[in-house]
C-alpha atoms as a PDB file:
ATOM      1  CA  MET A   1     113.893 105.834  99.945  1.00  0.00           C
ATOM      2  CA  LYS A   2     116.851 104.644  97.906  1.00  0.00           C
ATOM      3  CA  LEU A   3     118.416 101.243  97.485  1.00  0.00           C
ATOM      4  CA  THR A   4     122.128 101.105  96.663  1.00  0.00           C
ATOM      5  CA  ILE A   5     123.396  98.141  94.628  1.00  0.00           C
ATOM      6  CA  ASN A   6     126.884  98.223  93.070  1.00  0.00           C
ATOM      7  CA  LYS A   7     127.122 102.017  93.404  1.00  0.00           C
ATOM      8  CA  LYS A   8     123.824 102.388  91.544  1.00  0.00           C
ATOM      9  CA  LYS A   9     120.963 104.073  93.402  1.00  0.00           C
ATOM     10  CA  ILE A  10     117.395 103.022  92.730  1.00  0.00           C
ATOM     11  CA  ASN A  11     114.386 104.938  94.022  1.00  0.00           C
ATOM     12  CA  ILE A  12     112.070 102.689  96.014  1.00  0.00           C
ATOM     13  CA  GLU A  13     108.394 103.440  96.475  1.00  0.00           C
ATOM     14  CA  LYS A  14     106.575 101.797  99.385  1.00  0.00           C
ATOM     15  CA  ILE A  15     103.225 100.320  98.356  1.00  0.00           C
ATOM     16  CA  ASP A  16     100.478  99.923 100.974  1.00  0.00           C
ATOM     17  CA  GLY A  17      96.895  98.778 100.682  1.00  0.00           C
ATOM     18  CA  PHE A  18      95.157  96.112  98.648  1.00  0.00           C
ATOM     19  CA  PHE A  19      94.177  98.250  95.647  1.00  0.00           C
ATOM     20  CA  ASN A  20      97.661  99.770  95.283  1.00  0.00           C
ATOM     21  CA  ARG A  21      99.272  96.314  95.372  1.00  0.00           C
ATOM     22  CA  PHE A  22      96.688  94.984  92.927  1.00  0.00           C
ATOM     23  CA  LYS A  23      97.323  97.632  90.262  1.00  0.00           C
ATOM     24  CA  LEU A  24     101.089  97.833  90.867  1.00  0.00           C
ATOM     25  CA  LEU A  25     102.529  96.762  87.483  1.00  0.00           C
ATOM     26  CA  LYS A  26      99.542  95.267  85.759  1.00  0.00           C
ATOM     27  CA  PHE A  27      99.235  96.373  82.118  1.00  0.00           C
ATOM     28  CA  LYS A  28     102.154  98.846  82.387  1.00  0.00           C
ATOM     29  CA  LEU A  29     104.108  98.804  79.146  1.00  0.00           C
ATOM     30  CA  GLU A  30     106.774 101.414  79.895  1.00  0.00           C
ATOM     31  CA  LYS A  31     110.087 100.151  81.209  1.00  0.00           C
ATOM     32  CA  LEU A  32     110.341  99.979  84.989  1.00  0.00           C
ATOM     33  CA  GLU A  33     112.696 102.703  86.281  1.00  0.00           C
ATOM     34  CA  ASN A  34     112.009 102.610  90.027  1.00  0.00           C
ATOM     35  CA  GLY A  35     111.599  99.779  92.488  1.00  0.00           C
ATOM     36  CA  TYR A  36     108.717  98.948  94.781  1.00  0.00           C
ATOM     37  CA  LEU A  37     108.619  97.721  98.370  1.00  0.00           C
ATOM     38  CA  LEU A  38     105.801  95.533  99.643  1.00  0.00           C
ATOM     39  CA  THR A  39     106.005  95.024 103.415  1.00  0.00           C
ATOM     40  CA  LYS A  40     104.668  91.952 105.195  1.00  0.00           C
ATOM     41  CA  ARG A  41     104.301  90.232 101.824  1.00  0.00           C
ATOM     42  CA  LYS A  42     105.300  86.554 101.891  1.00  0.00           C
ATOM     43  CA  TRP A  43     104.095  85.615  98.386  1.00  0.00           C
ATOM     44  CA  LEU A  44     103.749  87.314  94.989  1.00  0.00           C
ATOM     45  CA  SER A  45     101.925  86.840  91.709  1.00  0.00           C
ATOM     46  CA  THR A  46     103.113  88.569  88.545  1.00  0.00           C
ATOM     47  CA  TYR A  47      99.905  87.804  86.686  1.00  0.00           C
ATOM     48  CA  LEU A  48      99.202  90.431  83.973  1.00  0.00           C
ATOM     49  CA  TYR A  49     102.612  92.100  84.351  1.00  0.00           C
ATOM     50  CA  CYS A  50     103.722  93.172  80.870  1.00  0.00           C
ATOM     51  CA  GLN A  51     107.439  92.992  81.593  1.00  0.00           C
ATOM     52  CA  LYS A  52     110.016  90.886  83.371  1.00  0.00           C
ATOM     53  CA  VAL A  53     111.172  92.005  86.833  1.00  0.00           C
ATOM     54  CA  ASP A  54     113.639  91.024  89.537  1.00  0.00           C
ATOM     55  CA  VAL A  55     112.170  90.107  92.930  1.00  0.00           C
ATOM     56  CA  ILE A  56     114.091  90.078  96.202  1.00  0.00           C
ATOM     57  CA  MET A  57     112.597  88.813  99.455  1.00  0.00           C
ATOM     58  CA  THR A  58     114.237  89.835 102.737  1.00  0.00           C
ATOM     59  CA  ASP A  59     113.678  89.553 106.475  1.00  0.00           C
ATOM     60  CA  LYS A  60     113.117  92.512 108.841  1.00  0.00           C
ATOM     61  CA  ASP A  61     116.853  93.312 108.832  1.00  0.00           C
ATOM     62  CA  ASN A  62     116.949  93.397 104.993  1.00  0.00           C
ATOM     63  CA  THR A  63     119.044  90.234 104.770  1.00  0.00           C
ATOM     64  CA  ILE A  64     118.323  88.578 101.433  1.00  0.00           C
ATOM     65  CA  LEU A  65     116.489  85.280 101.850  1.00  0.00           C
ATOM     66  CA  TYR A  66     115.286  84.632  98.289  1.00  0.00           C
ATOM     67  CA  LEU A  67     116.283  85.998  94.867  1.00  0.00           C
ATOM     68  CA  TYR A  68     114.190  85.720  91.735  1.00  0.00           C
ATOM     69  CA  PRO A  69     116.038  87.340  88.813  1.00  0.00           C
ATOM     70  CA  ASN A  70     114.361  87.670  85.423  1.00  0.00           C
ATOM     71  CA  LEU A  71     110.905  86.706  86.699  1.00  0.00           C
ATOM     72  CA  LYS A  72     108.490  86.474  83.796  1.00  0.00           C
ATOM     73  CA  SER A  73     104.842  87.440  83.631  1.00  0.00           C
ATOM     74  CA  GLU A  74     102.303  85.044  85.135  1.00  0.00           C
ATOM     75  CA  ALA A  75     104.762  83.585  87.630  1.00  0.00           C
ATOM     76  CA  ILE A  76     103.783  82.792  91.203  1.00  0.00           C
ATOM     77  CA  ILE A  77     106.100  82.865  94.196  1.00  0.00           C
ATOM     78  CA  TYR A  78     104.438  80.739  96.827  1.00  0.00           C
ATOM     79  CA  TYR A  79     104.356  81.504 100.568  1.00  0.00           C
ATOM     80  CA  LYS A  80     107.831  81.806 102.092  1.00  0.00           C
ATOM     81  CA  ARG A  81     108.513  81.722 105.817  1.00  0.00           C
ATOM     82  CA  LYS A  82     110.477  84.483 107.574  1.00  0.00           C
ATOM     83  CA  VAL A  83     109.974  86.944 104.682  1.00  0.00           C
ATOM     84  CA  TYR A  84     109.034  90.480 105.707  1.00  0.00           C
ATOM     85  CA  ASN A  85     109.946  92.739 102.751  1.00  0.00           C
ATOM     86  CA  THR A  86     109.439  92.005  99.066  1.00  0.00           C
ATOM     87  CA  TYR A  87     111.233  94.254  96.580  1.00  0.00           C
ATOM     88  CA  ILE A  88     110.160  94.430  92.938  1.00  0.00           C
ATOM     89  CA  LEU A  89     113.058  95.886  90.946  1.00  0.00           C
ATOM     90  CA  PRO A  90     113.937  96.657  87.315  1.00  0.00           C
ATOM     91  CA  LEU A  91     115.304  93.779  85.276  1.00  0.00           C
ATOM     92  CA  GLY A  92     119.014  93.030  85.793  1.00  0.00           C
ATOM     93  CA  ILE A  93     119.425  94.438  89.307  1.00  0.00           C
ATOM     94  CA  ALA A  94     119.386  91.082  91.138  1.00  0.00           C
ATOM     95  CA  ASN A  95     122.234  89.721  88.991  1.00  0.00           C
ATOM     96  CA  HIS A  96     124.757  91.408  91.305  1.00  0.00           C
ATOM     97  CA  LEU A  97     123.296  90.087  94.567  1.00  0.00           C
ATOM     98  CA  GLU A  98     123.595  86.891  96.612  1.00  0.00           C
ATOM     99  CA  LYS A  99     121.585  85.232  99.351  1.00  0.00           C
ATOM    100  CA  GLY A 100     122.691  86.304 102.813  1.00  0.00           C
ATOM    101  CA  LYS A 101     123.791  89.833 101.834  1.00  0.00           C
ATOM    102  CA  ILE A 102     122.200  92.834 103.520  1.00  0.00           C
ATOM    103  CA  LEU A 103     120.510  95.467 101.339  1.00  0.00           C
ATOM    104  CA  LYS A 104     121.536  99.068 102.013  1.00  0.00           C
ATOM    105  CA  ILE A 105     118.506 101.359 102.238  1.00  0.00           C
ATOM    106  CA  GLU A 106     118.782 105.140 102.558  1.00  0.00           C
ATOM    107  CA  LYS A 107     115.735 107.041 103.721  1.00  0.00           C
END
């Protein structure tokens, strides 16, 4: 799947299962090129992430509810109501977005 933001396309990989979510970005030193989608995820911990990321939380219709640009390692996003999708994206992507916009996803 691909996410289009400001005419830039980012590959999105859907992550399912506890172990896959647990090892997602922990201890990865190389720069993040692709994004990740965590469904039915209403909270997030970036503990042991070795890089900063942008996090976007949306509802089922991909309307942006919460934006967390430049989220550092060891940050915690506590439980948020109405959130269905959580996107973890490379640094700098969320700078061009606003709450209330709808994300365009191509499958």
